[in-house]
Amino acid sequence: MKRLFRNSAAALALAACSVALAQQGPIPIIGLMELSGTGATAGTNFDNGVKLAVKEINAAGGILGRKVDYQSWDTQTAPQTAKALAQKAVDQGAYVVMGPVFSGSIIVSMVETKRAEIPNFTGGEAANITQQGNPYIFRTSFTQSTAMPKLARYIKDMIKAKSVAVVWVNNDFGKGGRDAMTKALEADGIKVAADVSTDPGQVDFSGAVLKVKQSNADAAFIYTNEEESARALREFKKQGYDKPLIGETTLTGQKVIELAGDAANGAIAHVGLTVDAPQPAVKSRTTARIVFLITRTERLLRAPGHGTPRNPRGTVVRRAPRWPSW
């Protein structure tokens, strides 16, 4: 999950490259965000990242002197609501759509933005989002097929585990991660000792944790949404589980740590950049990336246009930035 300020800023800056130079007035960007429901933590983080990026860009003079006008709409973590709001964004003439974050929602809603040829950026991590040949969809985070092999190698080389119990949430995000992780584990010769499915919004993890313990696996891999991850960590602690707990971004985000308390101690996760962590070093790196992206955006906007009758916004939006090394 899936949700980073740095990535939202990157997506917003690149998206602005699609605006036709001859037009006047604010640049309308619509955010389809999970502001309520099971995806509220991820959606709110993504939305806050976009708002911060808009603030930075507008403070620097906007895009060629034009301010960015950003609105965020609540999908309620419901795919059909996301789809309806995507159509509304198209009807209102959005230049760019940000979100949704949840994989199940973006897979449905991006059909509308694709039909209208509007660039759409997502924090969703399910591998199949960008495997459908949609030229208007762009990621702001690692895909599961990129992250899971890294985790599998860590489990093999650093944890030295021979077997792993996999706990996952039964939605598009969780199923994609489960499939990618089991494939990566098997490729590294690690046995999947237990395959434990859980429900979105699940409250009681006692049964899931018991299955993990009974599998006698050397470690547990947890791939659930933020709130569920916190509940799972508390249950692992309650049942006295003393083996490594490993996950992805959704296992060690700031919200998870706040909800899980000391039950989060010792959890290990692959995280690209946790912008919601209250650490100055992380925030300063993020700000530096924003400044870089704003500068690059203005440079790209001043390049000759590449618009066509079917794509008046120009194909320059498909260019990905070369990230500076920090």
C-alpha atoms as a PDB file:
ATOM      1  CA  MET A   1       0.000   0.000   0.000  1.00  0.00           C
ATOM      2  CA  LYS A   2      -0.550   1.059  -1.252  1.00  0.00           C
ATOM      3  CA  ARG A   3       0.663   6.209  -0.012  1.00  0.00           C
ATOM      4  CA  LEU A   4       3.693   8.436   0.314  1.00  0.00           C
ATOM      5  CA  PHE A   5       4.033  12.207   0.297  1.00  0.00           C
ATOM      6  CA  ARG A   6       7.107  11.976  -1.929  1.00  0.00           C
ATOM      7  CA  ASN A   7       5.278   9.833  -4.454  1.00  0.00           C
ATOM      8  CA  SER A   8       2.152  11.986  -4.406  1.00  0.00           C
ATOM      9  CA  ALA A   9       4.299  15.041  -5.095  1.00  0.00           C
ATOM     10  CA  ALA A  10       5.986  13.226  -7.968  1.00  0.00           C
ATOM     11  CA  ALA A  11       2.695  12.225  -9.481  1.00  0.00           C
ATOM     12  CA  LEU A  12       1.207  15.707  -9.120  1.00  0.00           C
ATOM     13  CA  ALA A  13       4.217  17.435 -10.633  1.00  0.00           C
ATOM     14  CA  LEU A  14       4.313  15.064 -13.589  1.00  0.00           C
ATOM     15  CA  ALA A  15       0.596  15.269 -14.111  1.00  0.00           C
ATOM     16  CA  ALA A  16       0.764  19.035 -14.466  1.00  0.00           C
ATOM     17  CA  CYS A  17       2.921  18.516 -17.559  1.00  0.00           C
ATOM     18  CA  SER A  18      -0.212  17.495 -19.452  1.00  0.00           C
ATOM     19  CA  VAL A  19      -1.882  20.900 -19.247  1.00  0.00           C
ATOM     20  CA  ALA A  20      -2.197  22.708 -22.567  1.00  0.00           C
ATOM     21  CA  LEU A  21      -0.148  25.882 -22.444  1.00  0.00           C
ATOM     22  CA  ALA A  22      -2.724  28.024 -24.229  1.00  0.00           C
ATOM     23  CA  GLN A  23      -5.415  27.553 -21.587  1.00  0.00           C
ATOM     24  CA  GLN A  24      -6.022  30.024 -18.766  1.00  0.00           C
ATOM     25  CA  GLY A  25      -7.306  29.805 -15.204  1.00  0.00           C
ATOM     26  CA  PRO A  26      -6.581  27.295 -12.442  1.00  0.00           C
ATOM     27  CA  ILE A  27      -5.510  23.754 -13.275  1.00  0.00           C
ATOM     28  CA  PRO A  28      -8.271  21.418 -11.960  1.00  0.00           C
ATOM     29  CA  ILE A  29      -7.059  18.222 -10.329  1.00  0.00           C
ATOM     30  CA  ILE A  30      -9.476  15.823  -8.632  1.00  0.00           C
ATOM     31  CA  GLY A  31      -8.539  13.383  -5.890  1.00  0.00           C
ATOM     32  CA  LEU A  32     -10.584  10.209  -5.467  1.00  0.00           C
ATOM     33  CA  MET A  33      -9.584   9.292  -1.937  1.00  0.00           C
ATOM     34  CA  GLU A  34     -10.563   6.744   0.697  1.00  0.00           C
ATOM     35  CA  LEU A  35     -11.386   9.271   3.416  1.00  0.00           C
ATOM     36  CA  SER A  36     -13.725   6.871   5.233  1.00  0.00           C
ATOM     37  CA  GLY A  37     -14.181   3.117   5.449  1.00  0.00           C
ATOM     38  CA  THR A  38     -11.440   0.500   5.786  1.00  0.00           C
ATOM     39  CA  GLY A  39      -9.067   2.472   3.554  1.00  0.00           C
ATOM     40  CA  ALA A  40      -9.266   5.753   5.487  1.00  0.00           C
ATOM     41  CA  THR A  41      -5.682   5.620   6.750  1.00  0.00           C
ATOM     42  CA  ALA A  42      -4.142   5.007   3.333  1.00  0.00           C
ATOM     43  CA  GLY A  43      -6.478   7.409   1.566  1.00  0.00           C
ATOM     44  CA  THR A  44      -5.979  10.212   4.070  1.00  0.00           C
ATOM     45  CA  ASN A  45      -2.201   9.857   3.850  1.00  0.00           C
ATOM     46  CA  PHE A  46      -2.322  10.022   0.059  1.00  0.00           C
ATOM     47  CA  ASP A  47      -4.713  12.987   0.136  1.00  0.00           C
ATOM     48  CA  ASN A  48      -2.524  14.883   2.603  1.00  0.00           C
ATOM     49  CA  GLY A  49       0.481  14.249   0.379  1.00  0.00           C
ATOM     50  CA  VAL A  50      -1.280  15.739  -2.625  1.00  0.00           C
ATOM     51  CA  LYS A  51      -2.417  18.768  -0.605  1.00  0.00           C
ATOM     52  CA  LEU A  52       1.127  19.408   0.601  1.00  0.00           C
ATOM     53  CA  ALA A  53       2.424  19.113  -2.946  1.00  0.00           C
ATOM     54  CA  VAL A  54      -0.222  21.566  -4.197  1.00  0.00           C
ATOM     55  CA  LYS A  55       0.749  24.001  -1.458  1.00  0.00           C
ATOM     56  CA  GLU A  56       4.422  23.772  -2.416  1.00  0.00           C
ATOM     57  CA  ILE A  57       3.738  24.159  -6.143  1.00  0.00           C
ATOM     58  CA  ASN A  58       1.354  27.092  -5.735  1.00  0.00           C
ATOM     59  CA  ALA A  59       3.742  28.821  -3.341  1.00  0.00           C
ATOM     60  CA  ALA A  60       6.421  28.553  -6.021  1.00  0.00           C
ATOM     61  CA  GLY A  61       4.191  30.350  -8.523  1.00  0.00           C
ATOM     62  CA  GLY A  62       2.097  27.470  -9.778  1.00  0.00           C
ATOM     63  CA  ILE A  63       2.580  25.887 -13.201  1.00  0.00           C
ATOM     64  CA  LEU A  64       3.667  28.579 -15.680  1.00  0.00           C
ATOM     65  CA  GLY A  65       1.912  31.102 -13.484  1.00  0.00           C
ATOM     66  CA  ARG A  66      -1.299  29.094 -13.137  1.00  0.00           C
ATOM     67  CA  LYS A  67      -2.441  27.879  -9.731  1.00  0.00           C
ATOM     68  CA  VAL A  68      -3.432  24.273  -9.111  1.00  0.00           C
ATOM     69  CA  ASP A  69      -7.042  23.869  -7.935  1.00  0.00           C
ATOM     70  CA  TYR A  70      -7.295  20.580  -6.041  1.00  0.00           C
ATOM     71  CA  GLN A  71     -10.458  18.939  -4.721  1.00  0.00           C
ATOM     72  CA  SER A  72     -10.647  15.598  -2.926  1.00  0.00           C
ATOM     73  CA  TRP A  73     -13.769  13.424  -2.939  1.00  0.00           C
ATOM     74  CA  ASP A  74     -14.448  10.527  -0.581  1.00  0.00           C
ATOM     75  CA  THR A  75     -14.827   7.125  -2.249  1.00  0.00           C
ATOM     76  CA  GLN A  76     -15.811   5.586   1.113  1.00  0.00           C
ATOM     77  CA  THR A  77     -13.464   2.719   0.142  1.00  0.00           C
ATOM     78  CA  ALA A  78     -16.219   1.451  -2.164  1.00  0.00           C
ATOM     79  CA  PRO A  79     -15.213   0.515  -5.749  1.00  0.00           C
ATOM     80  CA  GLN A  80     -18.565   1.469  -7.293  1.00  0.00           C
ATOM     81  CA  THR A  81     -18.510   4.827  -5.520  1.00  0.00           C
ATOM     82  CA  ALA A  82     -15.006   5.371  -6.853  1.00  0.00           C
ATOM     83  CA  LYS A  83     -16.207   4.552 -10.359  1.00  0.00           C
ATOM     84  CA  ALA A  84     -19.104   7.010 -10.096  1.00  0.00           C
ATOM     85  CA  LEU A  85     -16.810   9.759  -8.788  1.00  0.00           C
ATOM     86  CA  ALA A  86     -14.340   9.086 -11.600  1.00  0.00           C
ATOM     87  CA  GLN A  87     -17.133   9.708 -14.100  1.00  0.00           C
ATOM     88  CA  LYS A  88     -18.062  12.886 -12.213  1.00  0.00           C
ATOM     89  CA  ALA A  89     -14.421  14.053 -12.419  1.00  0.00           C
ATOM     90  CA  VAL A  90     -14.487  13.440 -16.163  1.00  0.00           C
ATOM     91  CA  ASP A  91     -17.748  15.371 -16.509  1.00  0.00           C
ATOM     92  CA  GLN A  92     -16.289  18.309 -14.594  1.00  0.00           C
ATOM     93  CA  GLY A  93     -13.266  18.497 -16.873  1.00  0.00           C
ATOM     94  CA  ALA A  94     -10.489  17.287 -14.579  1.00  0.00           C
ATOM     95  CA  TYR A  95      -7.064  17.494 -16.208  1.00  0.00           C
ATOM     96  CA  VAL A  96      -5.693  14.859 -13.860  1.00  0.00           C
ATOM     97  CA  VAL A  97      -7.191  12.405 -11.375  1.00  0.00           C
ATOM     98  CA  MET A  98      -5.288  11.323  -8.263  1.00  0.00           C
ATOM     99  CA  GLY A  99      -6.321   8.017  -6.677  1.00  0.00           C
ATOM    100  CA  PRO A 100      -8.011   5.928  -5.528  1.00  0.00           C
ATOM    101  CA  VAL A 101      -5.379   4.209  -3.422  1.00  0.00           C
ATOM    102  CA  PHE A 102      -7.047   0.839  -2.902  1.00  0.00           C
ATOM    103  CA  SER A 103      -6.319  -1.589  -5.710  1.00  0.00           C
ATOM    104  CA  GLY A 104      -9.883  -2.851  -5.951  1.00  0.00           C
ATOM    105  CA  SER A 105     -11.178   0.692  -6.423  1.00  0.00           C
ATOM    106  CA  ILE A 106      -8.624   1.911  -8.972  1.00  0.00           C
ATOM    107  CA  ILE A 107      -9.095  -1.206 -11.112  1.00  0.00           C
ATOM    108  CA  VAL A 108     -12.764  -0.251 -11.474  1.00  0.00           C
ATOM    109  CA  SER A 109     -12.519   3.554 -11.615  1.00  0.00           C
ATOM    110  CA  MET A 110      -9.630   3.784 -14.082  1.00  0.00           C
ATOM    111  CA  VAL A 111     -11.950   2.500 -16.804  1.00  0.00           C
ATOM    112  CA  GLU A 112     -13.627   5.931 -16.766  1.00  0.00           C
ATOM    113  CA  THR A 113     -10.428   7.985 -16.840  1.00  0.00           C
ATOM    114  CA  LYS A 114      -9.011   5.782 -19.586  1.00  0.00           C
ATOM    115  CA  ARG A 115     -12.122   6.311 -21.703  1.00  0.00           C
ATOM    116  CA  ALA A 116     -11.724  10.089 -21.307  1.00  0.00           C
ATOM    117  CA  GLU A 117      -7.931   9.898 -21.856  1.00  0.00           C
ATOM    118  CA  ILE A 118      -7.218  11.599 -18.530  1.00  0.00           C
ATOM    119  CA  PRO A 119      -3.949  10.756 -16.701  1.00  0.00           C
ATOM    120  CA  ASN A 120      -4.721   8.896 -13.465  1.00  0.00           C
ATOM    121  CA  PHE A 121      -2.211   8.346 -10.648  1.00  0.00           C
ATOM    122  CA  THR A 122      -2.653   5.712  -7.949  1.00  0.00           C
ATOM    123  CA  GLY A 123      -0.960   4.428  -4.829  1.00  0.00           C
ATOM    124  CA  GLY A 124      -2.440   0.980  -5.419  1.00  0.00           C
ATOM    125  CA  GLU A 125       0.143  -1.798  -5.449  1.00  0.00           C
ATOM    126  CA  ALA A 126      -1.689  -4.733  -7.064  1.00  0.00           C
ATOM    127  CA  ALA A 127       0.414  -5.946  -9.974  1.00  0.00           C
ATOM    128  CA  ASN A 128      -2.507  -6.203 -12.401  1.00  0.00           C
ATOM    129  CA  ILE A 129      -3.237  -2.458 -12.290  1.00  0.00           C
ATOM    130  CA  THR A 130      -0.520  -1.775 -14.842  1.00  0.00           C
ATOM    131  CA  GLN A 131      -0.770  -5.097 -16.632  1.00  0.00           C
ATOM    132  CA  GLN A 132      -3.964  -4.203 -18.478  1.00  0.00           C
ATOM    133  CA  GLY A 133      -2.417  -1.993 -21.147  1.00  0.00           C
ATOM    134  CA  ASN A 134      -3.917   1.263 -19.861  1.00  0.00           C
ATOM    135  CA  PRO A 135      -1.611   4.079 -21.094  1.00  0.00           C
ATOM    136  CA  TYR A 136      -3.221   6.635 -18.760  1.00  0.00           C
ATOM    137  CA  ILE A 137      -2.546   4.901 -15.437  1.00  0.00           C
ATOM    138  CA  PHE A 138       0.581   5.699 -13.411  1.00  0.00           C
ATOM    139  CA  ARG A 139       1.876   4.342 -10.112  1.00  0.00           C
ATOM    140  CA  THR A 140       3.310   6.324  -7.206  1.00  0.00           C
ATOM    141  CA  SER A 141       4.720   3.297  -5.370  1.00  0.00           C
ATOM    142  CA  PHE A 142       6.451  -0.035  -5.833  1.00  0.00           C
ATOM    143  CA  THR A 143       4.438  -2.838  -7.345  1.00  0.00           C
ATOM    144  CA  GLN A 144       4.006  -6.045  -5.400  1.00  0.00           C
ATOM    145  CA  SER A 145       6.024  -7.876  -8.026  1.00  0.00           C
ATOM    146  CA  THR A 146       8.926  -5.529  -7.271  1.00  0.00           C
ATOM    147  CA  ALA A 147       8.708  -5.461  -3.480  1.00  0.00           C
ATOM    148  CA  MET A 148       7.990  -9.105  -2.651  1.00  0.00           C
ATOM    149  CA  PRO A 149      11.183 -10.598  -4.126  1.00  0.00           C
ATOM    150  CA  LYS A 150      13.159  -8.129  -1.997  1.00  0.00           C
ATOM    151  CA  LEU A 151      11.335  -9.302   1.105  1.00  0.00           C
ATOM    152  CA  ALA A 152      11.776 -12.957   0.207  1.00  0.00           C
ATOM    153  CA  ARG A 153      15.518 -12.475  -0.189  1.00  0.00           C
ATOM    154  CA  TYR A 154      15.655 -10.700   3.171  1.00  0.00           C
ATOM    155  CA  ILE A 155      13.777 -13.561   4.816  1.00  0.00           C
ATOM    156  CA  LYS A 156      16.163 -16.066   3.269  1.00  0.00           C
ATOM    157  CA  ASP A 157      19.460 -14.243   3.771  1.00  0.00           C
ATOM    158  CA  MET A 158      18.877 -12.293   6.984  1.00  0.00           C
ATOM    159  CA  ILE A 159      16.139 -14.117   8.896  1.00  0.00           C
ATOM    160  CA  LYS A 160      17.425 -17.507   7.684  1.00  0.00           C
ATOM    161  CA  ALA A 161      13.864 -18.809   7.687  1.00  0.00           C
ATOM    162  CA  LYS A 162      13.079 -22.098   5.973  1.00  0.00           C
ATOM    163  CA  SER A 163       9.299 -21.709   6.266  1.00  0.00           C
ATOM    164  CA  VAL A 164       6.874 -18.777   6.501  1.00  0.00           C
ATOM    165  CA  ALA A 165       3.206 -18.418   7.442  1.00  0.00           C
ATOM    166  CA  VAL A 166       1.439 -15.901   5.179  1.00  0.00           C
ATOM    167  CA  VAL A 167      -1.427 -13.843   6.608  1.00  0.00           C
ATOM    168  CA  TRP A 168      -3.250 -11.714   4.044  1.00  0.00           C
ATOM    169  CA  VAL A 169      -6.420  -9.661   3.600  1.00  0.00           C
ATOM    170  CA  ASN A 170      -8.942 -11.029   1.134  1.00  0.00           C
ATOM    171  CA  ASN A 171      -9.259  -8.104  -1.296  1.00  0.00           C
ATOM    172  CA  ASP A 172      -7.476  -7.170  -4.533  1.00  0.00           C
ATOM    173  CA  PHE A 173      -4.563  -5.651  -2.621  1.00  0.00           C
ATOM    174  CA  GLY A 174      -4.164  -8.654  -0.350  1.00  0.00           C
ATOM    175  CA  LYS A 175      -4.645 -11.314  -3.016  1.00  0.00           C
ATOM    176  CA  GLY A 176      -2.107  -9.660  -5.295  1.00  0.00           C
ATOM    177  CA  GLY A 177       0.423  -9.427  -2.478  1.00  0.00           C
ATOM    178  CA  ARG A 178      -0.220 -12.990  -1.354  1.00  0.00           C
ATOM    179  CA  ASP A 179       0.306 -14.330  -4.876  1.00  0.00           C
ATOM    180  CA  ALA A 180       3.480 -12.306  -5.426  1.00  0.00           C
ATOM    181  CA  MET A 181       4.913 -13.242  -2.024  1.00  0.00           C
ATOM    182  CA  THR A 182       4.239 -16.977  -2.231  1.00  0.00           C
ATOM    183  CA  LYS A 183       5.813 -17.024  -5.691  1.00  0.00           C
ATOM    184  CA  ALA A 184       8.885 -15.163  -4.414  1.00  0.00           C
ATOM    185  CA  LEU A 185       9.224 -17.409  -1.367  1.00  0.00           C
ATOM    186  CA  GLU A 186       9.009 -20.558  -3.443  1.00  0.00           C
ATOM    187  CA  ALA A 187      11.604 -19.186  -5.866  1.00  0.00           C
ATOM    188  CA  ASP A 188      13.988 -18.800  -2.910  1.00  0.00           C
ATOM    189  CA  GLY A 189      13.278 -22.284  -1.638  1.00  0.00           C
ATOM    190  CA  ILE A 190      11.187 -21.148   1.349  1.00  0.00           C
ATOM    191  CA  LYS A 191       8.141 -23.237   2.269  1.00  0.00           C
ATOM    192  CA  VAL A 192       4.755 -21.571   2.815  1.00  0.00           C
ATOM    193  CA  ALA A 193       3.770 -23.361   6.003  1.00  0.00           C
ATOM    194  CA  ALA A 194       0.354 -21.686   6.356  1.00  0.00           C
ATOM    195  CA  ASP A 195      -1.828 -19.652   4.005  1.00  0.00           C
ATOM    196  CA  VAL A 196      -4.173 -17.620   6.219  1.00  0.00           C
ATOM    197  CA  SER A 197      -6.873 -15.431   4.647  1.00  0.00           C
ATOM    198  CA  THR A 198      -8.534 -12.647   6.673  1.00  0.00           C
ATOM    199  CA  ASP A 199     -11.413 -10.273   5.943  1.00  0.00           C
ATOM    200  CA  PRO A 200     -11.194  -6.522   5.247  1.00  0.00           C
ATOM    201  CA  GLY A 201     -11.963  -4.714   8.492  1.00  0.00           C
ATOM    202  CA  GLN A 202     -11.523  -7.904  10.548  1.00  0.00           C
ATOM    203  CA  VAL A 203     -11.497  -7.260  14.294  1.00  0.00           C
ATOM    204  CA  ASP A 204     -10.658 -10.627  15.849  1.00  0.00           C
ATOM    205  CA  PHE A 205      -7.313 -12.126  14.793  1.00  0.00           C
ATOM    206  CA  SER A 206      -7.129 -14.831  17.448  1.00  0.00           C
ATOM    207  CA  GLY A 207      -7.951 -17.608  14.970  1.00  0.00           C
ATOM    208  CA  ALA A 208      -5.491 -16.344  12.363  1.00  0.00           C
ATOM    209  CA  VAL A 209      -2.663 -16.087  14.877  1.00  0.00           C
ATOM    210  CA  LEU A 210      -3.443 -19.550  16.243  1.00  0.00           C
ATOM    211  CA  LYS A 211      -3.126 -21.000  12.722  1.00  0.00           C
ATOM    212  CA  VAL A 212       0.254 -19.309  12.347  1.00  0.00           C
ATOM    213  CA  LYS A 213       1.475 -20.755  15.643  1.00  0.00           C
ATOM    214  CA  GLN A 214       0.208 -24.222  14.797  1.00  0.00           C
ATOM    215  CA  SER A 215       2.049 -24.176  11.463  1.00  0.00           C
ATOM    216  CA  ASN A 216       5.350 -23.948  13.378  1.00  0.00           C
ATOM    217  CA  ALA A 217       6.728 -21.667  10.634  1.00  0.00           C
ATOM    218  CA  ASP A 218      10.034 -19.920  11.234  1.00  0.00           C
ATOM    219  CA  ALA A 219       8.440 -16.493  10.621  1.00  0.00           C
ATOM    220  CA  ALA A 220       5.125 -14.836   9.779  1.00  0.00           C
ATOM    221  CA  PHE A 221       4.455 -12.518   6.851  1.00  0.00           C
ATOM    222  CA  ILE A 222       1.525 -10.129   7.427  1.00  0.00           C
ATOM    223  CA  TYR A 223      -0.102  -8.360   4.485  1.00  0.00           C
ATOM    224  CA  THR A 224      -3.235  -6.569   5.654  1.00  0.00           C
ATOM    225  CA  ASN A 225      -4.524  -2.995   5.759  1.00  0.00           C
ATOM    226  CA  GLU A 226      -3.237  -0.616   8.438  1.00  0.00           C
ATOM    227  CA  GLU A 227      -5.962  -0.998  11.057  1.00  0.00           C
ATOM    228  CA  GLU A 228      -6.039  -4.777  10.664  1.00  0.00           C
ATOM    229  CA  SER A 229      -2.241  -4.911  10.903  1.00  0.00           C
ATOM    230  CA  ALA A 230      -2.386  -3.165  14.277  1.00  0.00           C
ATOM    231  CA  ARG A 231      -5.004  -5.625  15.538  1.00  0.00           C
ATOM    232  CA  ALA A 232      -2.958  -8.553  14.268  1.00  0.00           C
ATOM    233  CA  LEU A 233       0.190  -7.296  15.998  1.00  0.00           C
ATOM    234  CA  ARG A 234      -1.667  -6.917  19.278  1.00  0.00           C
ATOM    235  CA  GLU A 235      -2.985 -10.467  18.982  1.00  0.00           C
ATOM    236  CA  PHE A 236       0.458 -11.884  18.181  1.00  0.00           C
ATOM    237  CA  LYS A 237       1.771 -10.220  21.321  1.00  0.00           C
ATOM    238  CA  LYS A 238      -1.203 -11.440  23.360  1.00  0.00           C
ATOM    239  CA  GLN A 239      -0.575 -15.041  22.312  1.00  0.00           C
ATOM    240  CA  GLY A 240       3.131 -14.764  23.087  1.00  0.00           C
ATOM    241  CA  TYR A 241       4.376 -15.216  19.519  1.00  0.00           C
ATOM    242  CA  ASP A 242       8.166 -14.896  19.589  1.00  0.00           C
ATOM    243  CA  LYS A 243       9.195 -15.393  15.957  1.00  0.00           C
ATOM    244  CA  PRO A 244       9.892 -12.695  13.352  1.00  0.00           C
ATOM    245  CA  LEU A 245       6.910 -10.678  12.119  1.00  0.00           C
ATOM    246  CA  ILE A 246       7.578  -9.364   8.625  1.00  0.00           C
ATOM    247  CA  GLY A 247       5.501  -7.245   6.264  1.00  0.00           C
ATOM    248  CA  GLU A 248       5.297  -4.372   3.836  1.00  0.00           C
ATOM    249  CA  THR A 249       4.478  -0.683   4.276  1.00  0.00           C
ATOM    250  CA  THR A 250       1.122  -1.409   5.893  1.00  0.00           C
ATOM    251  CA  LEU A 251       2.734  -3.261   8.811  1.00  0.00           C
ATOM    252  CA  THR A 252       4.909  -0.479  10.194  1.00  0.00           C
ATOM    253  CA  GLY A 253       3.271   2.813   9.173  1.00  0.00           C
ATOM    254  CA  GLN A 254       2.906   5.516  11.813  1.00  0.00           C
ATOM    255  CA  LYS A 255      -0.816   4.824  12.202  1.00  0.00           C
ATOM    256  CA  VAL A 256      -0.116   1.143  12.829  1.00  0.00           C
ATOM    257  CA  ILE A 257       2.464   1.994  15.470  1.00  0.00           C
ATOM    258  CA  GLU A 258       0.039   4.367  17.178  1.00  0.00           C
ATOM    259  CA  LEU A 259      -2.739   1.759  17.247  1.00  0.00           C
ATOM    260  CA  ALA A 260      -0.581  -1.253  18.128  1.00  0.00           C
ATOM    261  CA  GLY A 261       1.536   0.423  20.795  1.00  0.00           C
ATOM    262  CA  ASP A 262       4.370  -1.704  22.107  1.00  0.00           C
ATOM    263  CA  ALA A 263       2.988  -4.698  20.187  1.00  0.00           C
ATOM    264  CA  ALA A 264       4.619  -3.133  17.116  1.00  0.00           C
ATOM    265  CA  ASN A 265       8.085  -3.461  18.649  1.00  0.00           C
ATOM    266  CA  GLY A 266      10.268  -5.747  16.548  1.00  0.00           C
ATOM    267  CA  ALA A 267       8.043  -5.792  13.465  1.00  0.00           C
ATOM    268  CA  ILE A 268      10.065  -5.718  10.246  1.00  0.00           C
ATOM    269  CA  ALA A 269       8.872  -4.244   6.954  1.00  0.00           C
ATOM    270  CA  HIS A 270      10.022  -3.219   3.509  1.00  0.00           C
ATOM    271  CA  VAL A 271       9.203   0.507   3.317  1.00  0.00           C
ATOM    272  CA  GLY A 272      10.267   2.852   0.522  1.00  0.00           C
ATOM    273  CA  LEU A 273       9.784   6.064   2.502  1.00  0.00           C
ATOM    274  CA  THR A 274       7.495   6.636   5.498  1.00  0.00           C
ATOM    275  CA  VAL A 275       6.582  10.310   5.227  1.00  0.00           C
ATOM    276  CA  ASP A 276       4.173  10.157   8.156  1.00  0.00           C
ATOM    277  CA  ALA A 277       6.978   9.218  10.549  1.00  0.00           C
ATOM    278  CA  PRO A 278       7.844  12.185  12.810  1.00  0.00           C
ATOM    279  CA  GLN A 279      11.523  12.267  11.839  1.00  0.00           C
ATOM    280  CA  PRO A 280      13.203  15.459  10.499  1.00  0.00           C
ATOM    281  CA  ALA A 281      15.609  13.492   8.287  1.00  0.00           C
ATOM    282  CA  VAL A 282      12.743  11.878   6.397  1.00  0.00           C
ATOM    283  CA  LYS A 283      10.858  15.163   6.013  1.00  0.00           C
ATOM    284  CA  SER A 284      13.904  17.038   4.714  1.00  0.00           C
ATOM    285  CA  ARG A 285      14.536  14.377   2.070  1.00  0.00           C
ATOM    286  CA  THR A 286      10.910  14.599   0.989  1.00  0.00           C
ATOM    287  CA  THR A 287      11.040  18.390   0.675  1.00  0.00           C
ATOM    288  CA  ALA A 288      14.183  18.134  -1.428  1.00  0.00           C
ATOM    289  CA  ARG A 289      12.411  15.783  -3.824  1.00  0.00           C
ATOM    290  CA  ILE A 290       9.486  18.190  -4.173  1.00  0.00           C
ATOM    291  CA  VAL A 291      11.763  21.082  -5.099  1.00  0.00           C
ATOM    292  CA  PHE A 292      13.465  18.857  -7.683  1.00  0.00           C
ATOM    293  CA  LEU A 293      10.140  17.792  -9.160  1.00  0.00           C
ATOM    294  CA  ILE A 294       8.731  21.318  -9.376  1.00  0.00           C
ATOM    295  CA  THR A 295      11.849  22.453 -11.232  1.00  0.00           C
ATOM    296  CA  ARG A 296      11.670  19.503 -13.596  1.00  0.00           C
ATOM    297  CA  THR A 297       7.975  20.083 -14.229  1.00  0.00           C
ATOM    298  CA  GLU A 298       8.500  23.662 -15.311  1.00  0.00           C
ATOM    299  CA  ARG A 299      11.311  22.572 -17.619  1.00  0.00           C
ATOM    300  CA  LEU A 300       9.132  19.917 -19.248  1.00  0.00           C
ATOM    301  CA  LEU A 301       6.233  22.316 -19.640  1.00  0.00           C
ATOM    302  CA  ARG A 302       8.421  24.714 -21.579  1.00  0.00           C
ATOM    303  CA  ALA A 303       9.344  21.965 -24.053  1.00  0.00           C
ATOM    304  CA  PRO A 304       7.475  21.790 -27.392  1.00  0.00           C
ATOM    305  CA  GLY A 305       3.996  20.292 -27.017  1.00  0.00           C
ATOM    306  CA  HIS A 306       3.125  16.817 -28.198  1.00  0.00           C
ATOM    307  CA  GLY A 307      -0.659  17.092 -28.303  1.00  0.00           C
ATOM    308  CA  THR A 308      -2.848  15.255 -30.768  1.00  0.00           C
ATOM    309  CA  PRO A 309      -6.566  15.598 -31.525  1.00  0.00           C
ATOM    310  CA  ARG A 310      -7.272  12.566 -29.320  1.00  0.00           C
ATOM    311  CA  ASN A 311      -4.788  13.566 -26.651  1.00  0.00           C
ATOM    312  CA  PRO A 312      -4.656  17.372 -26.525  1.00  0.00           C
ATOM    313  CA  ARG A 313      -2.963  17.231 -23.155  1.00  0.00           C
ATOM    314  CA  GLY A 314       0.170  15.786 -24.727  1.00  0.00           C
ATOM    315  CA  THR A 315       2.094  12.581 -24.231  1.00  0.00           C
ATOM    316  CA  VAL A 316       4.801  14.298 -22.192  1.00  0.00           C
ATOM    317  CA  VAL A 317       2.915  13.151 -19.079  1.00  0.00           C
ATOM    318  CA  ARG A 318       4.228   9.640 -19.701  1.00  0.00           C
ATOM    319  CA  ARG A 319       7.802  10.673 -19.006  1.00  0.00           C
ATOM    320  CA  ALA A 320       9.006   9.465 -15.641  1.00  0.00           C
ATOM    321  CA  PRO A 321      11.569  11.555 -13.734  1.00  0.00           C
ATOM    322  CA  ARG A 322      15.048  10.253 -13.077  1.00  0.00           C
ATOM    323  CA  TRP A 323      15.202  10.368  -9.310  1.00  0.00           C
ATOM    324  CA  PRO A 324      18.264  12.027  -7.804  1.00  0.00           C
ATOM    325  CA  SER A 325      20.204   9.868  -5.395  1.00  0.00           C
ATOM    326  CA  TRP A 326      19.749  10.632  -1.704  1.00  0.00           C
END
